Amino acid sequence: MKERIKDILEMDNLGTLISGWEEQFLTSLSTQLERGKKQLSQKQVDVLHRVEAKIEKMVKGDPAWECVWDDEKAWNFKTAVNYYKASPERYFSQILEWSDRNEGKIPPQNYYKKVVENKYSQRVLNSLRQDPKYPSGSTVMLRATARTGLSYQVFSTHHRIPLFVVAPTEKAISAAAGCRIYTLLSSVSSLLFEVEERWIKKWRAPKPSSQTNISEDIPF
């Protein structure tokens, strides 16, 4: 039993295979056995067996899950992972680390469900599945609310001037409506910057200031 636990704890990339709690649990069992504990409780043995089965499935793969894997699921997983990587808060760190170490591989089904099927990822995926509102080559402008999503310098320099859509991306950093990220080109410099769809609108040239002609009576 002691050797089985030791072999697990010495596995490469263990943190991408089991949770932090499971790793702590195994470390605790190892410590207890090293200190002379003769026998684990039935509950401890049951948990150990579940962890071993989980690791085996993660290493060997899941044929049934792999049979239903397709391009759509691959896109869903990659897009959701990229969304969480861009988040200022670190969610699903174990899954993100697994993805970095196993690029191109089919993720375990439970990883897919956790990172893809939550309500925030679903909002992002549903938005990005739609055709971009502004295709490449479109001329757009910043909304007044764009100051929320851009630095003061970029906003103040580019507010009320035409901007050119270089490309709509398949990236998002929020789950808000209009979350698609666009790469824009400034019309006054070579600056490229990224902005969410909700912060831009179709370009409309400002109306010229109206001038009033005042006729004056000329005395004779």
C-alpha atoms as a PDB file:
ATOM      1  CA  MET A   1       0.000   0.000   0.000  1.00  0.00           C
ATOM      2  CA  LYS A   2       2.822   2.360   0.924  1.00  0.00           C
ATOM      3  CA  GLU A   3       4.565   1.771  -2.417  1.00  0.00           C
ATOM      4  CA  ARG A   4       1.349   2.250  -4.402  1.00  0.00           C
ATOM      5  CA  ILE A   5       0.798   5.651  -2.812  1.00  0.00           C
ATOM      6  CA  LYS A   6       4.446   6.602  -3.272  1.00  0.00           C
ATOM      7  CA  ASP A   7       4.304   5.721  -6.983  1.00  0.00           C
ATOM      8  CA  ILE A   8       1.283   7.987  -7.428  1.00  0.00           C
ATOM      9  CA  LEU A   9       2.867  10.915  -5.581  1.00  0.00           C
ATOM     10  CA  GLU A  10       6.002  10.632  -7.723  1.00  0.00           C
ATOM     11  CA  MET A  11       4.101  10.724 -11.022  1.00  0.00           C
ATOM     12  CA  ASP A  12       4.992  13.471 -13.475  1.00  0.00           C
ATOM     13  CA  ASN A  13       2.322  16.163 -13.862  1.00  0.00           C
ATOM     14  CA  LEU A  14       0.340  14.752 -10.950  1.00  0.00           C
ATOM     15  CA  GLY A  15      -1.299  18.143 -10.443  1.00  0.00           C
ATOM     16  CA  THR A  16      -2.994  17.859 -13.824  1.00  0.00           C
ATOM     17  CA  LEU A  17      -4.403  14.407 -13.044  1.00  0.00           C
ATOM     18  CA  ILE A  18      -5.938  14.797  -9.608  1.00  0.00           C
ATOM     19  CA  SER A  19      -7.248  17.647  -7.488  1.00  0.00           C
ATOM     20  CA  GLY A  20      -5.273  19.451  -4.806  1.00  0.00           C
ATOM     21  CA  TRP A  21      -7.429  17.836  -2.146  1.00  0.00           C
ATOM     22  CA  GLU A  22      -6.736  14.354  -3.534  1.00  0.00           C
ATOM     23  CA  GLU A  23      -3.007  15.004  -3.580  1.00  0.00           C
ATOM     24  CA  GLN A  24      -3.142  16.216   0.032  1.00  0.00           C
ATOM     25  CA  PHE A  25      -5.134  13.130   0.963  1.00  0.00           C
ATOM     26  CA  LEU A  26      -2.516  10.809  -0.536  1.00  0.00           C
ATOM     27  CA  THR A  27       0.275  12.745   1.149  1.00  0.00           C
ATOM     28  CA  SER A  28      -1.534  12.343   4.472  1.00  0.00           C
ATOM     29  CA  LEU A  29      -1.893   8.586   3.941  1.00  0.00           C
ATOM     30  CA  SER A  30       1.781   8.313   3.065  1.00  0.00           C
ATOM     31  CA  THR A  31       2.755  10.211   6.227  1.00  0.00           C
ATOM     32  CA  GLN A  32       0.545   8.000   8.387  1.00  0.00           C
ATOM     33  CA  LEU A  33       2.055   4.827   6.956  1.00  0.00           C
ATOM     34  CA  GLU A  34       5.593   6.174   7.308  1.00  0.00           C
ATOM     35  CA  ARG A  35       4.875   6.832  10.990  1.00  0.00           C
ATOM     36  CA  GLY A  36       3.938   3.212  11.543  1.00  0.00           C
ATOM     37  CA  LYS A  37       0.228   3.007  10.889  1.00  0.00           C
ATOM     38  CA  LYS A  38      -0.437  -0.649  10.101  1.00  0.00           C
ATOM     39  CA  GLN A  39      -3.755  -0.486   8.300  1.00  0.00           C
ATOM     40  CA  LEU A  40      -5.872   2.138   6.579  1.00  0.00           C
ATOM     41  CA  SER A  41      -9.565   2.492   7.346  1.00  0.00           C
ATOM     42  CA  GLN A  42     -12.051   1.132   4.847  1.00  0.00           C
ATOM     43  CA  LYS A  43     -13.087   4.693   3.949  1.00  0.00           C
ATOM     44  CA  GLN A  44      -9.465   5.652   3.279  1.00  0.00           C
ATOM     45  CA  VAL A  45      -9.001   2.564   1.102  1.00  0.00           C
ATOM     46  CA  ASP A  46     -12.170   3.385  -0.858  1.00  0.00           C
ATOM     47  CA  VAL A  47     -10.962   6.911  -1.563  1.00  0.00           C
ATOM     48  CA  LEU A  48      -7.551   5.587  -2.584  1.00  0.00           C
ATOM     49  CA  HIS A  49      -9.174   3.182  -5.035  1.00  0.00           C
ATOM     50  CA  ARG A  50     -11.247   6.003  -6.545  1.00  0.00           C
ATOM     51  CA  VAL A  51      -8.144   8.134  -7.005  1.00  0.00           C
ATOM     52  CA  GLU A  52      -6.259   5.253  -8.620  1.00  0.00           C
ATOM     53  CA  ALA A  53      -9.172   4.570 -10.970  1.00  0.00           C
ATOM     54  CA  LYS A  54      -9.345   8.254 -11.866  1.00  0.00           C
ATOM     55  CA  ILE A  55      -5.641   8.380 -12.665  1.00  0.00           C
ATOM     56  CA  GLU A  56      -5.836   5.215 -14.772  1.00  0.00           C
ATOM     57  CA  LYS A  57      -8.702   6.662 -16.779  1.00  0.00           C
ATOM     58  CA  MET A  58      -6.874   9.958 -17.236  1.00  0.00           C
ATOM     59  CA  VAL A  59      -3.705   8.223 -18.428  1.00  0.00           C
ATOM     60  CA  LYS A  60      -5.274   5.535 -20.612  1.00  0.00           C
ATOM     61  CA  GLY A  61      -8.143   7.630 -21.935  1.00  0.00           C
ATOM     62  CA  ASP A  62     -11.864   6.945 -22.251  1.00  0.00           C
ATOM     63  CA  PRO A  63     -12.730   5.103 -25.512  1.00  0.00           C
ATOM     64  CA  ALA A  64     -16.463   5.851 -25.238  1.00  0.00           C
ATOM     65  CA  TRP A  65     -15.809   9.573 -24.791  1.00  0.00           C
ATOM     66  CA  GLU A  66     -13.202   9.635 -27.535  1.00  0.00           C
ATOM     67  CA  CYS A  67     -15.709   8.082 -29.961  1.00  0.00           C
ATOM     68  CA  VAL A  68     -18.057  11.071 -29.652  1.00  0.00           C
ATOM     69  CA  TRP A  69     -15.288  13.678 -29.768  1.00  0.00           C
ATOM     70  CA  ASP A  70     -15.547  15.925 -32.826  1.00  0.00           C
ATOM     71  CA  ASP A  71     -14.446  19.300 -34.205  1.00  0.00           C
ATOM     72  CA  GLU A  72     -17.271  21.143 -32.467  1.00  0.00           C
ATOM     73  CA  LYS A  73     -16.287  19.816 -29.048  1.00  0.00           C
ATOM     74  CA  ALA A  74     -12.636  20.606 -29.789  1.00  0.00           C
ATOM     75  CA  TRP A  75     -13.590  24.209 -30.653  1.00  0.00           C
ATOM     76  CA  ASN A  76     -15.796  24.500 -27.568  1.00  0.00           C
ATOM     77  CA  PHE A  77     -13.018  23.299 -25.264  1.00  0.00           C
ATOM     78  CA  LYS A  78     -10.271  25.427 -26.814  1.00  0.00           C
ATOM     79  CA  THR A  79     -12.444  28.553 -26.830  1.00  0.00           C
ATOM     80  CA  ALA A  80     -13.592  28.078 -23.232  1.00  0.00           C
ATOM     81  CA  VAL A  81     -10.027  27.437 -22.055  1.00  0.00           C
ATOM     82  CA  ASN A  82      -8.824  30.601 -23.801  1.00  0.00           C
ATOM     83  CA  TYR A  83     -11.650  32.563 -22.194  1.00  0.00           C
ATOM     84  CA  TYR A  84     -10.636  31.435 -18.714  1.00  0.00           C
ATOM     85  CA  LYS A  85      -6.960  32.014 -19.429  1.00  0.00           C
ATOM     86  CA  ALA A  86      -7.776  35.648 -20.257  1.00  0.00           C
ATOM     87  CA  SER A  87      -9.850  36.108 -17.104  1.00  0.00           C
ATOM     88  CA  PRO A  88      -8.276  38.256 -14.361  1.00  0.00           C
ATOM     89  CA  GLU A  89      -9.547  35.647 -11.889  1.00  0.00           C
ATOM     90  CA  ARG A  90      -7.920  32.208 -12.007  1.00  0.00           C
ATOM     91  CA  TYR A  91     -10.679  29.624 -12.421  1.00  0.00           C
ATOM     92  CA  PHE A  92     -10.214  25.926 -13.335  1.00  0.00           C
ATOM     93  CA  SER A  93      -6.443  26.193 -12.882  1.00  0.00           C
ATOM     94  CA  GLN A  94      -5.994  22.420 -12.947  1.00  0.00           C
ATOM     95  CA  ILE A  95      -7.798  22.141 -16.287  1.00  0.00           C
ATOM     96  CA  LEU A  96      -5.914  25.095 -17.766  1.00  0.00           C
ATOM     97  CA  GLU A  97      -2.605  23.544 -16.711  1.00  0.00           C
ATOM     98  CA  TRP A  98      -3.641  20.201 -18.199  1.00  0.00           C
ATOM     99  CA  SER A  99      -4.522  21.961 -21.455  1.00  0.00           C
ATOM    100  CA  ASP A 100      -1.124  23.680 -21.610  1.00  0.00           C
ATOM    101  CA  ARG A 101       0.683  20.374 -21.089  1.00  0.00           C
ATOM    102  CA  ASN A 102      -1.529  18.347 -23.452  1.00  0.00           C
ATOM    103  CA  GLU A 103      -2.191  20.615 -26.407  1.00  0.00           C
ATOM    104  CA  GLY A 104      -4.194  18.871 -29.117  1.00  0.00           C
ATOM    105  CA  LYS A 105      -5.210  15.939 -26.913  1.00  0.00           C
ATOM    106  CA  ILE A 106      -8.784  15.016 -26.062  1.00  0.00           C
ATOM    107  CA  PRO A 107      -9.526  16.235 -22.531  1.00  0.00           C
ATOM    108  CA  PRO A 108     -11.210  13.974 -19.979  1.00  0.00           C
ATOM    109  CA  GLN A 109     -14.985  14.211 -20.098  1.00  0.00           C
ATOM    110  CA  ASN A 110     -15.255  15.721 -16.632  1.00  0.00           C
ATOM    111  CA  TYR A 111     -12.785  18.469 -17.596  1.00  0.00           C
ATOM    112  CA  TYR A 112     -14.815  19.247 -20.697  1.00  0.00           C
ATOM    113  CA  LYS A 113     -18.078  19.447 -18.766  1.00  0.00           C
ATOM    114  CA  LYS A 114     -16.621  21.712 -16.081  1.00  0.00           C
ATOM    115  CA  VAL A 115     -14.983  24.240 -18.361  1.00  0.00           C
ATOM    116  CA  VAL A 116     -17.483  24.222 -21.255  1.00  0.00           C
ATOM    117  CA  GLU A 117     -20.934  23.550 -19.836  1.00  0.00           C
ATOM    118  CA  ASN A 118     -21.108  26.241 -17.147  1.00  0.00           C
ATOM    119  CA  LYS A 119     -23.352  29.248 -17.818  1.00  0.00           C
ATOM    120  CA  TYR A 120     -20.515  31.725 -18.402  1.00  0.00           C
ATOM    121  CA  SER A 121     -18.764  29.621 -21.026  1.00  0.00           C
ATOM    122  CA  GLN A 122     -22.100  28.949 -22.701  1.00  0.00           C
ATOM    123  CA  ARG A 123     -22.737  32.695 -23.053  1.00  0.00           C
ATOM    124  CA  VAL A 124     -19.318  33.172 -24.621  1.00  0.00           C
ATOM    125  CA  LEU A 125     -19.654  30.198 -26.967  1.00  0.00           C
ATOM    126  CA  ASN A 126     -23.147  31.217 -28.085  1.00  0.00           C
ATOM    127  CA  SER A 127     -21.911  34.738 -28.864  1.00  0.00           C
ATOM    128  CA  LEU A 128     -18.870  33.548 -30.798  1.00  0.00           C
ATOM    129  CA  ARG A 129     -20.896  31.050 -32.838  1.00  0.00           C
ATOM    130  CA  GLN A 130     -22.822  33.934 -34.392  1.00  0.00           C
ATOM    131  CA  ASP A 131     -21.494  35.749 -37.450  1.00  0.00           C
ATOM    132  CA  PRO A 132     -19.408  38.783 -36.516  1.00  0.00           C
ATOM    133  CA  LYS A 133     -21.447  41.968 -36.502  1.00  0.00           C
ATOM    134  CA  TYR A 134     -18.563  43.851 -38.133  1.00  0.00           C
ATOM    135  CA  PRO A 135     -16.609  41.817 -40.737  1.00  0.00           C
ATOM    136  CA  SER A 136     -13.022  42.534 -41.738  1.00  0.00           C
ATOM    137  CA  GLY A 137     -12.748  45.805 -43.630  1.00  0.00           C
ATOM    138  CA  SER A 138     -15.650  47.469 -41.833  1.00  0.00           C
ATOM    139  CA  THR A 139     -15.306  51.023 -40.625  1.00  0.00           C
ATOM    140  CA  VAL A 140     -16.406  51.499 -37.033  1.00  0.00           C
ATOM    141  CA  MET A 141     -16.099  53.963 -34.191  1.00  0.00           C
ATOM    142  CA  LEU A 142     -15.903  53.746 -30.433  1.00  0.00           C
ATOM    143  CA  ARG A 143     -18.988  54.103 -28.316  1.00  0.00           C
ATOM    144  CA  ALA A 144     -18.844  56.541 -25.422  1.00  0.00           C
ATOM    145  CA  THR A 145     -18.968  53.538 -23.081  1.00  0.00           C
ATOM    146  CA  ALA A 146     -15.707  52.185 -24.555  1.00  0.00           C
ATOM    147  CA  ARG A 147     -13.795  54.209 -21.962  1.00  0.00           C
ATOM    148  CA  THR A 148     -14.694  51.336 -19.601  1.00  0.00           C
ATOM    149  CA  GLY A 149     -12.789  48.792 -21.687  1.00  0.00           C
ATOM    150  CA  LEU A 150      -9.840  50.822 -22.981  1.00  0.00           C
ATOM    151  CA  SER A 151      -6.996  52.821 -21.513  1.00  0.00           C
ATOM    152  CA  TYR A 152      -7.597  56.549 -21.217  1.00  0.00           C
ATOM    153  CA  GLN A 153      -4.926  57.302 -23.829  1.00  0.00           C
ATOM    154  CA  VAL A 154      -6.346  54.932 -26.463  1.00  0.00           C
ATOM    155  CA  PHE A 155      -9.910  56.056 -25.848  1.00  0.00           C
ATOM    156  CA  SER A 156      -9.193  59.786 -25.849  1.00  0.00           C
ATOM    157  CA  THR A 157      -7.085  59.536 -29.025  1.00  0.00           C
ATOM    158  CA  HIS A 158      -9.552  57.421 -30.987  1.00  0.00           C
ATOM    159  CA  HIS A 159     -12.959  58.552 -29.825  1.00  0.00           C
ATOM    160  CA  ARG A 160     -15.016  60.088 -32.675  1.00  0.00           C
ATOM    161  CA  ILE A 161     -12.633  59.020 -35.471  1.00  0.00           C
ATOM    162  CA  PRO A 162     -13.003  56.149 -37.968  1.00  0.00           C
ATOM    163  CA  LEU A 163     -11.402  52.818 -37.092  1.00  0.00           C
ATOM    164  CA  PHE A 164     -10.893  49.867 -39.397  1.00  0.00           C
ATOM    165  CA  VAL A 165     -11.704  46.266 -38.505  1.00  0.00           C
ATOM    166  CA  VAL A 166      -8.619  44.177 -39.236  1.00  0.00           C
ATOM    167  CA  ALA A 167     -10.268  40.978 -38.005  1.00  0.00           C
ATOM    168  CA  PRO A 168     -13.028  39.762 -35.719  1.00  0.00           C
ATOM    169  CA  THR A 169     -11.449  37.148 -33.470  1.00  0.00           C
ATOM    170  CA  GLU A 170     -12.815  34.092 -31.677  1.00  0.00           C
ATOM    171  CA  LYS A 171     -11.645  35.450 -28.339  1.00  0.00           C
ATOM    172  CA  ALA A 172     -13.572  36.846 -25.399  1.00  0.00           C
ATOM    173  CA  ILE A 173     -12.599  38.196 -21.998  1.00  0.00           C
ATOM    174  CA  SER A 174     -16.099  38.575 -20.568  1.00  0.00           C
ATOM    175  CA  ALA A 175     -19.411  36.753 -20.755  1.00  0.00           C
ATOM    176  CA  ALA A 176     -21.357  39.937 -21.532  1.00  0.00           C
ATOM    177  CA  ALA A 177     -23.476  40.396 -24.651  1.00  0.00           C
ATOM    178  CA  GLY A 178     -21.217  41.574 -27.477  1.00  0.00           C
ATOM    179  CA  CYS A 179     -18.149  39.947 -25.940  1.00  0.00           C
ATOM    180  CA  ARG A 180     -16.340  39.114 -29.211  1.00  0.00           C
ATOM    181  CA  ILE A 181     -12.902  40.738 -29.426  1.00  0.00           C
ATOM    182  CA  TYR A 182     -12.047  42.737 -32.570  1.00  0.00           C
ATOM    183  CA  THR A 183      -8.620  43.822 -33.763  1.00  0.00           C
ATOM    184  CA  LEU A 184      -8.876  47.426 -34.934  1.00  0.00           C
ATOM    185  CA  LEU A 185      -6.515  49.695 -36.878  1.00  0.00           C
ATOM    186  CA  SER A 186      -6.353  53.378 -36.056  1.00  0.00           C
ATOM    187  CA  SER A 187      -7.031  55.844 -38.877  1.00  0.00           C
ATOM    188  CA  VAL A 188      -4.515  58.346 -37.485  1.00  0.00           C
ATOM    189  CA  SER A 189      -1.571  56.015 -36.819  1.00  0.00           C
ATOM    190  CA  SER A 190      -0.379  52.439 -37.332  1.00  0.00           C
ATOM    191  CA  LEU A 191      -1.674  51.430 -33.897  1.00  0.00           C
ATOM    192  CA  LEU A 192      -3.489  48.105 -33.633  1.00  0.00           C
ATOM    193  CA  PHE A 193      -5.595  47.439 -30.563  1.00  0.00           C
ATOM    194  CA  GLU A 194      -8.280  45.041 -29.391  1.00  0.00           C
ATOM    195  CA  VAL A 195     -11.751  45.946 -28.194  1.00  0.00           C
ATOM    196  CA  GLU A 196     -14.984  44.112 -27.422  1.00  0.00           C
ATOM    197  CA  GLU A 197     -17.864  44.274 -29.876  1.00  0.00           C
ATOM    198  CA  ARG A 198     -20.090  45.987 -27.318  1.00  0.00           C
ATOM    199  CA  TRP A 199     -17.738  48.995 -27.254  1.00  0.00           C
ATOM    200  CA  ILE A 200     -17.946  49.789 -30.996  1.00  0.00           C
ATOM    201  CA  LYS A 201     -20.592  50.791 -33.544  1.00  0.00           C
ATOM    202  CA  LYS A 202     -20.834  51.495 -37.265  1.00  0.00           C
ATOM    203  CA  TRP A 203     -18.936  54.612 -38.306  1.00  0.00           C
ATOM    204  CA  ARG A 204     -21.038  57.699 -38.885  1.00  0.00           C
ATOM    205  CA  ALA A 205     -19.360  60.949 -39.845  1.00  0.00           C
ATOM    206  CA  PRO A 206     -20.276  63.762 -37.454  1.00  0.00           C
ATOM    207  CA  LYS A 207     -22.813  66.197 -38.770  1.00  0.00           C
ATOM    208  CA  PRO A 208     -21.377  69.579 -39.763  1.00  0.00           C
ATOM    209  CA  SER A 209     -22.175  72.406 -37.428  1.00  0.00           C
ATOM    210  CA  SER A 210     -25.202  74.316 -38.631  1.00  0.00           C
ATOM    211  CA  GLN A 211     -24.627  77.950 -39.419  1.00  0.00           C
ATOM    212  CA  THR A 212     -27.323  80.576 -39.295  1.00  0.00           C
ATOM    213  CA  ASN A 213     -27.267  83.355 -41.868  1.00  0.00           C
ATOM    214  CA  ILE A 214     -28.244  86.614 -40.282  1.00  0.00           C
ATOM    215  CA  SER A 215     -29.473  89.313 -42.638  1.00  0.00           C
ATOM    216  CA  GLU A 216     -28.869  92.844 -41.579  1.00  0.00           C
ATOM    217  CA  ASP A 217     -30.907  95.893 -42.533  1.00  0.00           C
ATOM    218  CA  ILE A 218     -28.703  98.372 -44.283  1.00  0.00           C
ATOM    219  CA  PRO A 219     -29.769 101.955 -43.684  1.00  0.00           C
ATOM    220  CA  PHE A 220     -30.034 104.315 -46.706  1.00  0.00           C
END
